[in-house]
Amino acid sequence: MSSRIDVLVKKLDEEWIELIQMAREMGITIEEIREFLASESKK
């Protein structure tokens, strides 16, 4: 069972990395990404 979870976590990690890389290519700073994630988690 843990191997299925490990695969899922790895896939999610890869997706997050890709999203952050895309944001950086668009000129969005790491701080802006952090602020966005923090504001969205409060909703």
C-alpha atoms as a PDB file:
ATOM      1  CA  MET A   1       0.000   0.000   0.000  1.00  0.00           C
ATOM      2  CA  SER A   2       2.742   2.465   0.841  1.00  0.00           C
ATOM      3  CA  SER A   3       4.241   2.062  -2.642  1.00  0.00           C
ATOM      4  CA  ARG A   4       0.969   3.367  -4.172  1.00  0.00           C
ATOM      5  CA  ILE A   5       1.106   6.330  -1.829  1.00  0.00           C
ATOM      6  CA  ASP A   6       4.769   6.921  -2.688  1.00  0.00           C
ATOM      7  CA  VAL A   7       3.928   6.962  -6.405  1.00  0.00           C
ATOM      8  CA  LEU A   8       1.065   9.403  -5.818  1.00  0.00           C
ATOM      9  CA  VAL A   9       3.257  11.717  -3.733  1.00  0.00           C
ATOM     10  CA  LYS A  10       5.997  11.624  -6.369  1.00  0.00           C
ATOM     11  CA  LYS A  11       3.485  12.501  -9.092  1.00  0.00           C
ATOM     12  CA  LEU A  12       2.070  15.349  -7.023  1.00  0.00           C
ATOM     13  CA  ASP A  13       5.576  16.628  -6.279  1.00  0.00           C
ATOM     14  CA  GLU A  14       6.399  16.609  -9.992  1.00  0.00           C
ATOM     15  CA  GLU A  15       3.195  18.494 -10.795  1.00  0.00           C
ATOM     16  CA  TRP A  16       3.921  21.129  -8.141  1.00  0.00           C
ATOM     17  CA  ILE A  17       7.452  21.553  -9.433  1.00  0.00           C
ATOM     18  CA  GLU A  18       6.135  22.010 -12.967  1.00  0.00           C
ATOM     19  CA  LEU A  19       3.545  24.572 -11.820  1.00  0.00           C
ATOM     20  CA  ILE A  20       6.136  26.560  -9.878  1.00  0.00           C
ATOM     21  CA  GLN A  21       8.542  26.488 -12.828  1.00  0.00           C
ATOM     22  CA  MET A  22       5.792  27.777 -15.118  1.00  0.00           C
ATOM     23  CA  ALA A  23       4.975  30.574 -12.677  1.00  0.00           C
ATOM     24  CA  ARG A  24       8.646  31.554 -12.458  1.00  0.00           C
ATOM     25  CA  GLU A  25       8.868  31.636 -16.274  1.00  0.00           C
ATOM     26  CA  MET A  26       5.902  34.033 -16.232  1.00  0.00           C
ATOM     27  CA  GLY A  27       7.833  36.326 -13.899  1.00  0.00           C
ATOM     28  CA  ILE A  28       6.009  35.433 -10.702  1.00  0.00           C
ATOM     29  CA  THR A  29       8.322  35.545  -7.699  1.00  0.00           C
ATOM     30  CA  ILE A  30       8.588  32.819  -5.081  1.00  0.00           C
ATOM     31  CA  GLU A  31       7.240  35.295  -2.529  1.00  0.00           C
ATOM     32  CA  GLU A  32       4.180  35.973  -4.707  1.00  0.00           C
ATOM     33  CA  ILE A  33       3.600  32.216  -4.987  1.00  0.00           C
ATOM     34  CA  ARG A  34       3.846  31.864  -1.207  1.00  0.00           C
ATOM     35  CA  GLU A  35       1.457  34.777  -0.642  1.00  0.00           C
ATOM     36  CA  PHE A  36      -1.044  33.298  -3.104  1.00  0.00           C
ATOM     37  CA  LEU A  37      -0.922  29.859  -1.491  1.00  0.00           C
ATOM     38  CA  ALA A  38      -1.264  31.366   1.980  1.00  0.00           C
ATOM     39  CA  SER A  39      -4.252  33.491   0.964  1.00  0.00           C
ATOM     40  CA  GLU A  40      -5.978  30.558  -0.751  1.00  0.00           C
ATOM     41  CA  SER A  41      -5.532  28.295   2.273  1.00  0.00           C
ATOM     42  CA  LYS A  42      -7.416  30.839   4.446  1.00  0.00           C
ATOM     43  CA  LYS A  43     -10.569  30.710   2.283  1.00  0.00           C
END
